[in-house]
Amino acid sequence: MDTATQARDMDAIRAAQDEEKISYFGNSHGGVLGASYARLFPQRELVIAAGSVKIHVSHVLAKIGVRTRVQAAIYAYRSGLVSPDE
């Protein structure tokens, strides 16, 4: 999965949660993902802060009611946020 696809998935999750803006914490590869998101969705305000990835991910997982990133992926498929073809 490339960063553009991941960025689109991030925006789909934002939209599914009826959020106007996205909160995103990234470092290392996350910086590349954040840059890809900003390029694809320039109309969205994006502030990227390095570090705190584990905390942010745990908040996202809690918000959608799952405990792991694998469960989050399953949630995304079952919710129609992504399809097997993507």
Protein backbone atom coordinates (compact mmCIF):
# COMPACT_ATOMS: atom_id res chain seq x y z
CA MET A 1 0.00 0.00 0.00
CA ASP A 2 1.51 3.34 -1.01
CA THR A 3 1.35 6.58 0.97
CA ALA A 4 -1.27 8.12 -1.32
CA THR A 5 -3.59 5.18 -0.61
CA GLN A 6 -2.87 5.48 3.11
CA ALA A 7 -3.59 9.22 2.97
CA ARG A 8 -6.92 8.56 1.23
CA ASP A 9 -7.74 5.99 3.93
CA MET A 10 -6.95 8.60 6.60
CA ASP A 11 -9.32 11.06 4.93
CA ALA A 12 -12.04 8.40 4.60
CA ILE A 13 -11.79 7.71 8.34
CA ARG A 14 -11.95 11.48 9.02
CA ALA A 15 -15.06 11.77 6.86
CA ALA A 16 -16.70 8.68 8.39
CA GLN A 17 -16.28 10.23 11.83
CA ASP A 18 -17.91 13.42 10.51
CA GLU A 19 -14.81 15.44 11.40
CA GLU A 20 -13.95 18.62 9.54
CA LYS A 21 -10.23 18.41 10.33
CA ILE A 22 -7.84 15.61 11.04
CA SER A 23 -5.56 15.27 14.03
CA TYR A 24 -2.40 13.50 13.03
CA PHE A 25 0.84 12.73 14.83
CA GLY A 26 3.64 11.21 12.80
CA ASN A 27 7.36 10.57 12.71
CA SER A 28 9.75 8.87 10.32
CA HIS A 29 7.49 7.22 7.70
CA GLY A 30 4.60 9.17 9.24
CA GLY A 31 6.20 12.38 7.97
CA VAL A 32 6.05 11.04 4.42
CA LEU A 33 2.42 10.03 4.97
CA GLY A 34 1.59 13.47 6.36
CA ALA A 35 3.23 15.14 3.38
CA SER A 36 1.25 12.90 1.03
CA TYR A 37 -1.98 13.76 2.86
CA ALA A 38 -1.23 17.50 2.68
CA ARG A 39 -0.53 17.21 -1.06
CA LEU A 40 -3.73 15.25 -1.77
CA PHE A 41 -5.99 17.29 0.50
CA PRO A 42 -4.64 20.86 0.53
CA GLN A 43 -8.07 22.18 1.53
CA ARG A 44 -7.77 20.42 4.91
CA GLU A 45 -5.79 22.05 7.65
CA LEU A 46 -3.00 19.70 8.65
CA VAL A 47 -0.57 20.23 11.48
CA ILE A 48 2.00 17.48 11.89
CA ALA A 49 3.76 17.01 15.21
CA ALA A 50 6.61 14.54 15.53
CA GLY A 51 6.38 11.82 18.15
CA SER A 52 3.41 10.69 20.23
CA VAL A 53 2.38 8.15 17.59
CA LYS A 54 1.52 5.40 20.08
CA ILE A 55 -0.69 7.73 22.09
CA HIS A 56 -2.50 9.02 19.02
CA VAL A 57 -3.02 5.55 17.56
CA SER A 58 -4.39 4.29 20.89
CA HIS A 59 -6.87 7.21 20.94
CA VAL A 60 -8.02 6.43 17.41
CA LEU A 61 -8.38 2.74 18.20
CA ALA A 62 -10.38 3.54 21.35
CA LYS A 63 -12.61 5.94 19.42
CA ILE A 64 -13.63 3.21 16.96
CA GLY A 65 -13.83 0.55 19.69
CA VAL A 66 -10.95 -1.74 18.72
CA ARG A 67 -7.67 -2.74 20.39
CA THR A 68 -5.23 -3.38 17.52
CA ARG A 69 -4.39 -1.97 14.11
CA VAL A 70 -5.47 -5.28 12.56
CA GLN A 71 -8.89 -4.87 14.18
CA ALA A 72 -8.95 -1.28 12.85
CA ALA A 73 -8.33 -2.59 9.31
CA ILE A 74 -11.16 -5.09 9.72
CA TYR A 75 -13.37 -2.29 11.05
CA ALA A 76 -12.52 -0.19 7.96
CA TYR A 77 -13.49 -3.01 5.58
CA ARG A 78 -16.69 -3.86 7.44
CA SER A 79 -17.66 -0.19 7.62
CA GLY A 80 -17.16 0.24 3.89
CA LEU A 81 -14.30 2.72 4.34
CA VAL A 82 -12.11 0.59 2.08
CA SER A 83 -12.79 -2.24 -0.30
CA PRO A 84 -10.74 -5.36 -1.08
CA ASP A 85 -10.02 -3.90 -4.52
CA GLU A 86 -8.07 -0.94 -3.08
